[in-house]
Amino acid sequence: MIGLILYFVVMTCAMLLLSRLLPGFHVTGWVPALIGSLVLAAVNAIVKPILFVLTLPFTIITLGLFLFLLNAFCLWLTQRLVPGFEISGFFTTLVASILLAIVGMVWKKFSKEVSSSARAGA
């Protein structure tokens, strides 16, 4: 449970950092960033699997590159649903979705290593 809370804190911090570093990516504060990370997780859990199945032929034809567009669409949908969270332009959305995916992958790798070493030590 604490790992899940920390994941959302990390994603919130990543969104706040992106709002300072990436032109066109705007988050007005902690609350919209936290809500954005929660909504993005919900979109990724509910909408993305449906879209993945529907767009599977495109994903196969493009050798998986279409998944970048799918991630960008999920981030775009999130910014449409969360007030105080805005992304201007397709390129900014694409870059932000790639960077947030990298942060998520690094977090999962880190938390997996920590939990496996904690189990080994116990």
C-alpha atoms as a PDB file:
ATOM      1  CA  MET A   1       0.000   0.000   0.000  1.00  0.00           C
ATOM      2  CA  ILE A   2       2.780   2.419   0.871  1.00  0.00           C
ATOM      3  CA  GLY A   3       4.472   1.586  -2.426  1.00  0.00           C
ATOM      4  CA  LEU A   4       1.354   2.641  -4.328  1.00  0.00           C
ATOM      5  CA  ILE A   5       1.161   5.933  -2.453  1.00  0.00           C
ATOM      6  CA  LEU A   6       4.842   6.563  -3.118  1.00  0.00           C
ATOM      7  CA  TYR A   7       4.300   5.788  -6.817  1.00  0.00           C
ATOM      8  CA  PHE A   8       1.672   8.531  -7.041  1.00  0.00           C
ATOM      9  CA  VAL A   9       3.932  10.941  -5.149  1.00  0.00           C
ATOM     10  CA  VAL A  10       6.763  10.209  -7.606  1.00  0.00           C
ATOM     11  CA  MET A  11       4.476  10.696 -10.617  1.00  0.00           C
ATOM     12  CA  THR A  12       3.140  13.914  -9.094  1.00  0.00           C
ATOM     13  CA  CYS A  13       6.692  15.201  -8.642  1.00  0.00           C
ATOM     14  CA  ALA A  14       7.514  14.174 -12.209  1.00  0.00           C
ATOM     15  CA  MET A  15       4.544  16.152 -13.508  1.00  0.00           C
ATOM     16  CA  LEU A  16       5.546  19.193 -11.476  1.00  0.00           C
ATOM     17  CA  LEU A  17       9.118  18.912 -12.756  1.00  0.00           C
ATOM     18  CA  LEU A  18       7.914  18.586 -16.339  1.00  0.00           C
ATOM     19  CA  SER A  19       5.788  21.703 -15.895  1.00  0.00           C
ATOM     20  CA  ARG A  20       8.972  23.620 -15.091  1.00  0.00           C
ATOM     21  CA  LEU A  21      11.186  22.078 -17.769  1.00  0.00           C
ATOM     22  CA  LEU A  22       8.979  21.279 -20.753  1.00  0.00           C
ATOM     23  CA  PRO A  23       7.462  24.233 -22.629  1.00  0.00           C
ATOM     24  CA  GLY A  24       3.747  23.731 -23.180  1.00  0.00           C
ATOM     25  CA  PHE A  25       3.301  21.418 -20.177  1.00  0.00           C
ATOM     26  CA  HIS A  26       1.508  23.337 -17.421  1.00  0.00           C
ATOM     27  CA  VAL A  27       0.411  22.178 -13.982  1.00  0.00           C
ATOM     28  CA  THR A  28      -0.850  24.858 -11.632  1.00  0.00           C
ATOM     29  CA  GLY A  29       0.095  23.130  -8.374  1.00  0.00           C
ATOM     30  CA  TRP A  30       0.358  19.989  -6.274  1.00  0.00           C
ATOM     31  CA  VAL A  31      -3.340  19.215  -6.268  1.00  0.00           C
ATOM     32  CA  PRO A  32      -3.831  19.197 -10.058  1.00  0.00           C
ATOM     33  CA  ALA A  33      -0.606  17.185 -10.431  1.00  0.00           C
ATOM     34  CA  LEU A  34      -1.777  14.619  -7.866  1.00  0.00           C
ATOM     35  CA  ILE A  35      -5.234  14.403  -9.421  1.00  0.00           C
ATOM     36  CA  GLY A  36      -3.565  14.164 -12.829  1.00  0.00           C
ATOM     37  CA  SER A  37      -1.430  11.232 -11.732  1.00  0.00           C
ATOM     38  CA  LEU A  38      -4.496   9.470 -10.293  1.00  0.00           C
ATOM     39  CA  VAL A  39      -6.587  10.106 -13.414  1.00  0.00           C
ATOM     40  CA  LEU A  40      -3.712   9.022 -15.671  1.00  0.00           C
ATOM     41  CA  ALA A  41      -3.475   5.762 -13.738  1.00  0.00           C
ATOM     42  CA  ALA A  42      -7.226   5.238 -14.125  1.00  0.00           C
ATOM     43  CA  VAL A  43      -7.101   6.030 -17.856  1.00  0.00           C
ATOM     44  CA  ASN A  44      -4.157   3.659 -18.269  1.00  0.00           C
ATOM     45  CA  ALA A  45      -6.044   0.932 -16.376  1.00  0.00           C
ATOM     46  CA  ILE A  46      -9.440   1.331 -18.043  1.00  0.00           C
ATOM     47  CA  VAL A  47      -9.181   3.056 -21.434  1.00  0.00           C
ATOM     48  CA  LYS A  48      -5.722   2.004 -22.602  1.00  0.00           C
ATOM     49  CA  PRO A  49      -6.347  -1.784 -22.673  1.00  0.00           C
ATOM     50  CA  ILE A  50      -9.483  -1.259 -24.767  1.00  0.00           C
ATOM     51  CA  LEU A  51      -7.652   1.029 -27.184  1.00  0.00           C
ATOM     52  CA  PHE A  52      -4.715  -1.377 -27.282  1.00  0.00           C
ATOM     53  CA  VAL A  53      -6.955  -4.204 -28.478  1.00  0.00           C
ATOM     54  CA  LEU A  54      -8.722  -1.967 -31.005  1.00  0.00           C
ATOM     55  CA  THR A  55      -5.443  -0.638 -32.420  1.00  0.00           C
ATOM     56  CA  LEU A  56      -3.499  -3.902 -32.319  1.00  0.00           C
ATOM     57  CA  PRO A  57      -3.140  -4.105 -36.125  1.00  0.00           C
ATOM     58  CA  PHE A  58      -1.522  -0.631 -36.184  1.00  0.00           C
ATOM     59  CA  THR A  59       0.761  -1.620 -33.329  1.00  0.00           C
ATOM     60  CA  ILE A  60       1.869  -4.758 -35.166  1.00  0.00           C
ATOM     61  CA  ILE A  61       2.394  -2.937 -38.481  1.00  0.00           C
ATOM     62  CA  THR A  62       4.468  -0.213 -36.805  1.00  0.00           C
ATOM     63  CA  LEU A  63       6.409  -2.750 -34.710  1.00  0.00           C
ATOM     64  CA  GLY A  64       5.115  -1.252 -31.481  1.00  0.00           C
ATOM     65  CA  LEU A  65       5.750   2.409 -32.284  1.00  0.00           C
ATOM     66  CA  PHE A  66       2.016   3.101 -32.268  1.00  0.00           C
ATOM     67  CA  LEU A  67       2.095   2.539 -28.496  1.00  0.00           C
ATOM     68  CA  PHE A  68       3.813   5.935 -28.161  1.00  0.00           C
ATOM     69  CA  LEU A  69       0.742   7.529 -29.739  1.00  0.00           C
ATOM     70  CA  LEU A  70      -1.515   5.496 -27.487  1.00  0.00           C
ATOM     71  CA  ASN A  71       0.375   6.749 -24.402  1.00  0.00           C
ATOM     72  CA  ALA A  72       0.185  10.312 -25.719  1.00  0.00           C
ATOM     73  CA  PHE A  73      -3.569   9.944 -26.242  1.00  0.00           C
ATOM     74  CA  CYS A  74      -4.019   8.733 -22.660  1.00  0.00           C
ATOM     75  CA  LEU A  75      -2.065  11.741 -21.379  1.00  0.00           C
ATOM     76  CA  TRP A  76      -4.097  14.066 -23.621  1.00  0.00           C
ATOM     77  CA  LEU A  77      -7.325  12.570 -22.281  1.00  0.00           C
ATOM     78  CA  THR A  78      -6.058  13.073 -18.733  1.00  0.00           C
ATOM     79  CA  GLN A  79      -5.296  16.734 -19.306  1.00  0.00           C
ATOM     80  CA  ARG A  80      -8.790  17.194 -20.754  1.00  0.00           C
ATOM     81  CA  LEU A  81     -10.325  15.745 -17.570  1.00  0.00           C
ATOM     82  CA  VAL A  82      -8.196  17.506 -14.930  1.00  0.00           C
ATOM     83  CA  PRO A  83      -8.571  21.258 -14.375  1.00  0.00           C
ATOM     84  CA  GLY A  84      -5.249  23.003 -13.804  1.00  0.00           C
ATOM     85  CA  PHE A  85      -3.390  20.510 -15.988  1.00  0.00           C
ATOM     86  CA  GLU A  86      -2.822  21.627 -19.584  1.00  0.00           C
ATOM     87  CA  ILE A  87      -0.601  20.456 -22.415  1.00  0.00           C
ATOM     88  CA  SER A  88      -0.175  22.553 -25.543  1.00  0.00           C
ATOM     89  CA  GLY A  89       0.551  20.715 -28.761  1.00  0.00           C
ATOM     90  CA  PHE A  90       0.992  17.163 -29.953  1.00  0.00           C
ATOM     91  CA  PHE A  91       4.798  17.114 -29.732  1.00  0.00           C
ATOM     92  CA  THR A  92       4.734  18.263 -26.114  1.00  0.00           C
ATOM     93  CA  THR A  93       2.143  15.609 -25.282  1.00  0.00           C
ATOM     94  CA  LEU A  94       4.231  12.921 -26.974  1.00  0.00           C
ATOM     95  CA  VAL A  95       7.462  13.930 -25.223  1.00  0.00           C
ATOM     96  CA  ALA A  96       5.722  14.242 -21.845  1.00  0.00           C
ATOM     97  CA  SER A  97       4.109  10.813 -22.208  1.00  0.00           C
ATOM     98  CA  ILE A  98       7.482   9.251 -23.040  1.00  0.00           C
ATOM     99  CA  LEU A  99       9.163  10.940 -20.074  1.00  0.00           C
ATOM    100  CA  LEU A 100       6.373   9.955 -17.677  1.00  0.00           C
ATOM    101  CA  ALA A 101       6.548   6.378 -18.952  1.00  0.00           C
ATOM    102  CA  ILE A 102      10.306   6.354 -18.293  1.00  0.00           C
ATOM    103  CA  VAL A 103       9.739   7.652 -14.746  1.00  0.00           C
ATOM    104  CA  GLY A 104       7.113   4.948 -14.191  1.00  0.00           C
ATOM    105  CA  MET A 105       9.417   2.203 -15.495  1.00  0.00           C
ATOM    106  CA  VAL A 106      12.320   3.391 -13.350  1.00  0.00           C
ATOM    107  CA  TRP A 107      10.061   3.518 -10.295  1.00  0.00           C
ATOM    108  CA  LYS A 108       8.755   0.008 -10.899  1.00  0.00           C
ATOM    109  CA  LYS A 109      12.298  -1.308 -11.375  1.00  0.00           C
ATOM    110  CA  PHE A 110      13.486   0.463  -8.214  1.00  0.00           C
ATOM    111  CA  SER A 111      10.544  -0.645  -6.085  1.00  0.00           C
ATOM    112  CA  LYS A 112      10.854  -4.224  -7.346  1.00  0.00           C
ATOM    113  CA  GLU A 113      14.547  -4.322  -6.390  1.00  0.00           C
ATOM    114  CA  VAL A 114      13.848  -2.847  -2.958  1.00  0.00           C
ATOM    115  CA  SER A 115      11.020  -5.292  -2.237  1.00  0.00           C
ATOM    116  CA  SER A 116      13.015  -8.292  -3.439  1.00  0.00           C
ATOM    117  CA  SER A 117      16.037  -7.316  -1.316  1.00  0.00           C
ATOM    118  CA  ALA A 118      13.746  -6.743   1.680  1.00  0.00           C
ATOM    119  CA  ARG A 119      12.281 -10.231   1.241  1.00  0.00           C
ATOM    120  CA  ALA A 120      15.748 -11.744   0.880  1.00  0.00           C
ATOM    121  CA  GLY A 121      16.892 -10.044   4.070  1.00  0.00           C
ATOM    122  CA  ALA A 122      13.871 -11.119   6.084  1.00  0.00           C
END
